[in-house]
């Protein structure tokens, strides 16, 4: 499969190591959380950045009864 320039940029933006894109806007943070659904906060840099962005904006409130492994 061949990718165009726009596809390559999108794939790079949504990679696990990119922390700039998820922190760039609330929309980007939401999209990152959707794409990285199977990743874990604290292990995936992108999901961690998105989680922090959403939490700082008051858009995500962690469940205090949930235990993280």
Protein backbone atom coordinates (compact mmCIF):
# COMPACT_ATOMS: atom_id res chain seq x y z
CA UNK A 1 0.00 0.00 0.00
CA UNK A 2 1.34 3.43 -0.86
CA UNK A 3 0.77 6.40 1.37
CA UNK A 4 0.55 10.02 0.27
CA UNK A 5 2.08 12.96 2.10
CA UNK A 6 -1.09 13.61 4.11
CA UNK A 7 -1.25 9.96 5.20
CA UNK A 8 2.38 10.00 6.32
CA UNK A 9 1.79 13.17 8.37
CA UNK A 10 -1.31 11.64 9.98
CA UNK A 11 0.50 8.40 10.82
CA UNK A 12 3.40 10.36 12.33
CA UNK A 13 1.00 12.55 14.34
CA UNK A 14 -0.76 9.53 15.80
CA UNK A 15 2.34 7.47 16.65
CA UNK A 16 2.99 6.38 20.24
CA UNK A 17 6.12 8.53 20.52
CA UNK A 18 4.61 11.83 19.37
CA UNK A 19 3.75 14.04 22.34
CA UNK A 20 3.47 17.32 20.43
CA UNK A 21 0.30 16.50 18.46
CA UNK A 22 -1.80 15.25 21.41
CA UNK A 23 -0.97 18.37 23.42
CA UNK A 24 -1.65 20.77 20.53
CA UNK A 25 -5.42 21.03 21.06
CA UNK A 26 -8.33 19.41 22.85
CA UNK A 27 -9.51 17.94 19.54
CA UNK A 28 -6.09 16.36 18.95
CA UNK A 29 -6.06 15.02 22.51
CA UNK A 30 -9.51 13.45 22.07
CA UNK A 31 -8.47 11.90 18.75
CA UNK A 32 -5.28 10.54 20.28
CA UNK A 33 -7.21 8.92 23.12
CA UNK A 34 -9.48 7.23 20.55
CA UNK A 35 -6.60 5.98 18.41
CA UNK A 36 -4.58 4.78 21.41
CA UNK A 37 -7.49 3.01 23.09
CA UNK A 38 -5.45 -0.15 23.74
CA UNK A 39 -2.38 1.77 25.00
CA UNK A 40 -1.79 2.54 28.66
CA UNK A 41 -1.29 5.96 30.19
CA UNK A 42 2.26 6.04 31.52
CA UNK A 43 3.51 3.57 28.91
CA UNK A 44 2.43 5.29 25.68
CA UNK A 45 3.87 8.79 25.42
CA UNK A 46 1.12 10.02 23.10
CA UNK A 47 -1.73 8.76 25.27
CA UNK A 48 -0.04 10.15 28.39
CA UNK A 49 0.27 13.61 26.75
CA UNK A 50 -3.36 13.48 25.60
CA UNK A 51 -4.55 12.37 29.03
CA UNK A 52 -2.66 15.21 30.72
CA UNK A 53 -4.01 17.76 28.20
CA UNK A 54 -7.60 16.65 28.78
CA UNK A 55 -7.19 16.46 32.55
CA UNK A 56 -5.62 19.94 32.74
CA UNK A 57 -8.54 21.33 30.70
CA UNK A 58 -11.07 19.71 33.04
CA UNK A 59 -12.32 17.46 30.24
CA UNK A 60 -11.24 14.23 31.89
CA UNK A 61 -11.75 13.40 35.53
CA UNK A 62 -10.09 10.15 36.60
CA UNK A 63 -12.28 7.63 38.41
CA UNK A 64 -11.03 7.67 42.00
CA UNK A 65 -12.41 4.16 42.66
CA UNK A 66 -10.42 2.64 39.79
CA UNK A 67 -7.13 0.97 40.65
CA UNK A 68 -4.32 1.31 38.10
CA UNK A 69 -2.08 -1.68 37.58
